[in-house]
């Protein structure tokens, strides 16, 4: 574990001691017998768990393209909401955008993996240690998930899906996109929604959300969790478009000016739906949300912090939300204060600085608790000297019990890469025999001179598994030198 941490920290050309300190909670923490933590008592389980910190952002950008300073403002530390420095505190970043529409040219380029908005967020997050795990787009609805590079090997079975609800399911202007993955033994799903607007459409909103959650199906045959609600932790975010019931614009603004948020929140349609669930069945009743102590996220005059007037005037409302649900069968005593739950709240707030939209961005901080006691990478690379435009060898161990697919591949990346799928400078299929390996084995593959990069610098090797849907191994950073 210490060796893995040291190697992964060397990959990014930063002070390794600082990185070891920030990542030490992920290695060597548990001292009890390894095993499936969810079959143990809550106390034993809690002793073995490690915090995995998540920063969630939802923002309706109203067809505008965020500037670099807008993007940066979503992640800078804020004392008011206890948002800390991402590099040293956060392990996973989830960004959900709505009305992030593309030009025809951008739509064409995104088909081959170049989405300008995804690239813009990647370019900000990559230098502070994050790599894109997955993204999914449905017209203007976009969901991006980023993870600290050293933690790539902890995550497997990554999959995406989408659901259209616009025009009776024919259009994707409204709907949802989801990214799911398994963090060791904890299954997690994030769903970014954009629901039908307007005060009078509350019942339709609820039905849309119920259809989205019921219709989305993940197709990976290995998964026990085929729908969002099947997962251990399900996080729902987006422009849910719930409004404040029974109050006009000037009444809402008057209450806000007097900072009487509690009275307004009692009329919030989402909270009214959740309370309704106590007496009649409602799937929203099982979702949790942190207390709201910030102003409504909608509707503002773009370029200002003032609520919109004139023809664009709408009663302010908390349209943009982050909710979560813990699976009640696996964790039957669901309570906000239950220490054995796999998720706990940290902060919930609004970002007032970006002013390009009539919505303000909303963020939430969550802590996942995961058993990392028996983690070892399934693939370990053995490095030899590499020279520019000279023949080289890739050698690696495969751990016993690992299944190799014919679609597995090995990629060479520059240190500081943004995307596993796109940023490799070369890739080769895995030379390991297909099928399940019953014992540890060493494999190697020769790389021809013309395939080796001509540029010197630090590089990393990754083993990407099709069967497990994840990175099975990552090499330490190593130099490719001039011959």
Foldseek 3Di string as FASTA:
>chain_A
DLVLLQQQQLLFVDDSVLSCVLCVLLPPQDDDDDDDLLVDDLVNSLSQWGKAKEKEKAEALQCDQDDLVRLVLSQDQDPVFRRHHCLRHHFKYKYKYANPADDPVQVVVVVVPDHPNVVSNLVVVLNSAKAWQDKDDFGRIIMTMIGRVSQQQQKWDWDKDWFAPPPNGPHNNFTKIKIWIQRNPFTEMEIEGDFDADAVCLVVLLVRVVCRQVVQFTDQPPDPQGTQLSGQKYKYWYQSHWFFPDDFQVRLVVCVVVQVVVVRVVRTSLVVQLVVCVVPNGPSVQKDFDDDREFAFAFCDFPDLHHDDDPPHDRGGNRTGMIMGGRCVSVVPDDQPDSSRQKHWRGKYWRRPHRSHRGTMIMTMMIGIDRSHPDDFQKAWDDDAAAALAKGKTKIKGAAFDFADQPKKKFKARRSDHYPVPGGLDMDTDPDDGGGHHHMDMDMDMDHSVSGHRDWHWMKMWIAGPSGRGTRDIGRIDIHHHD
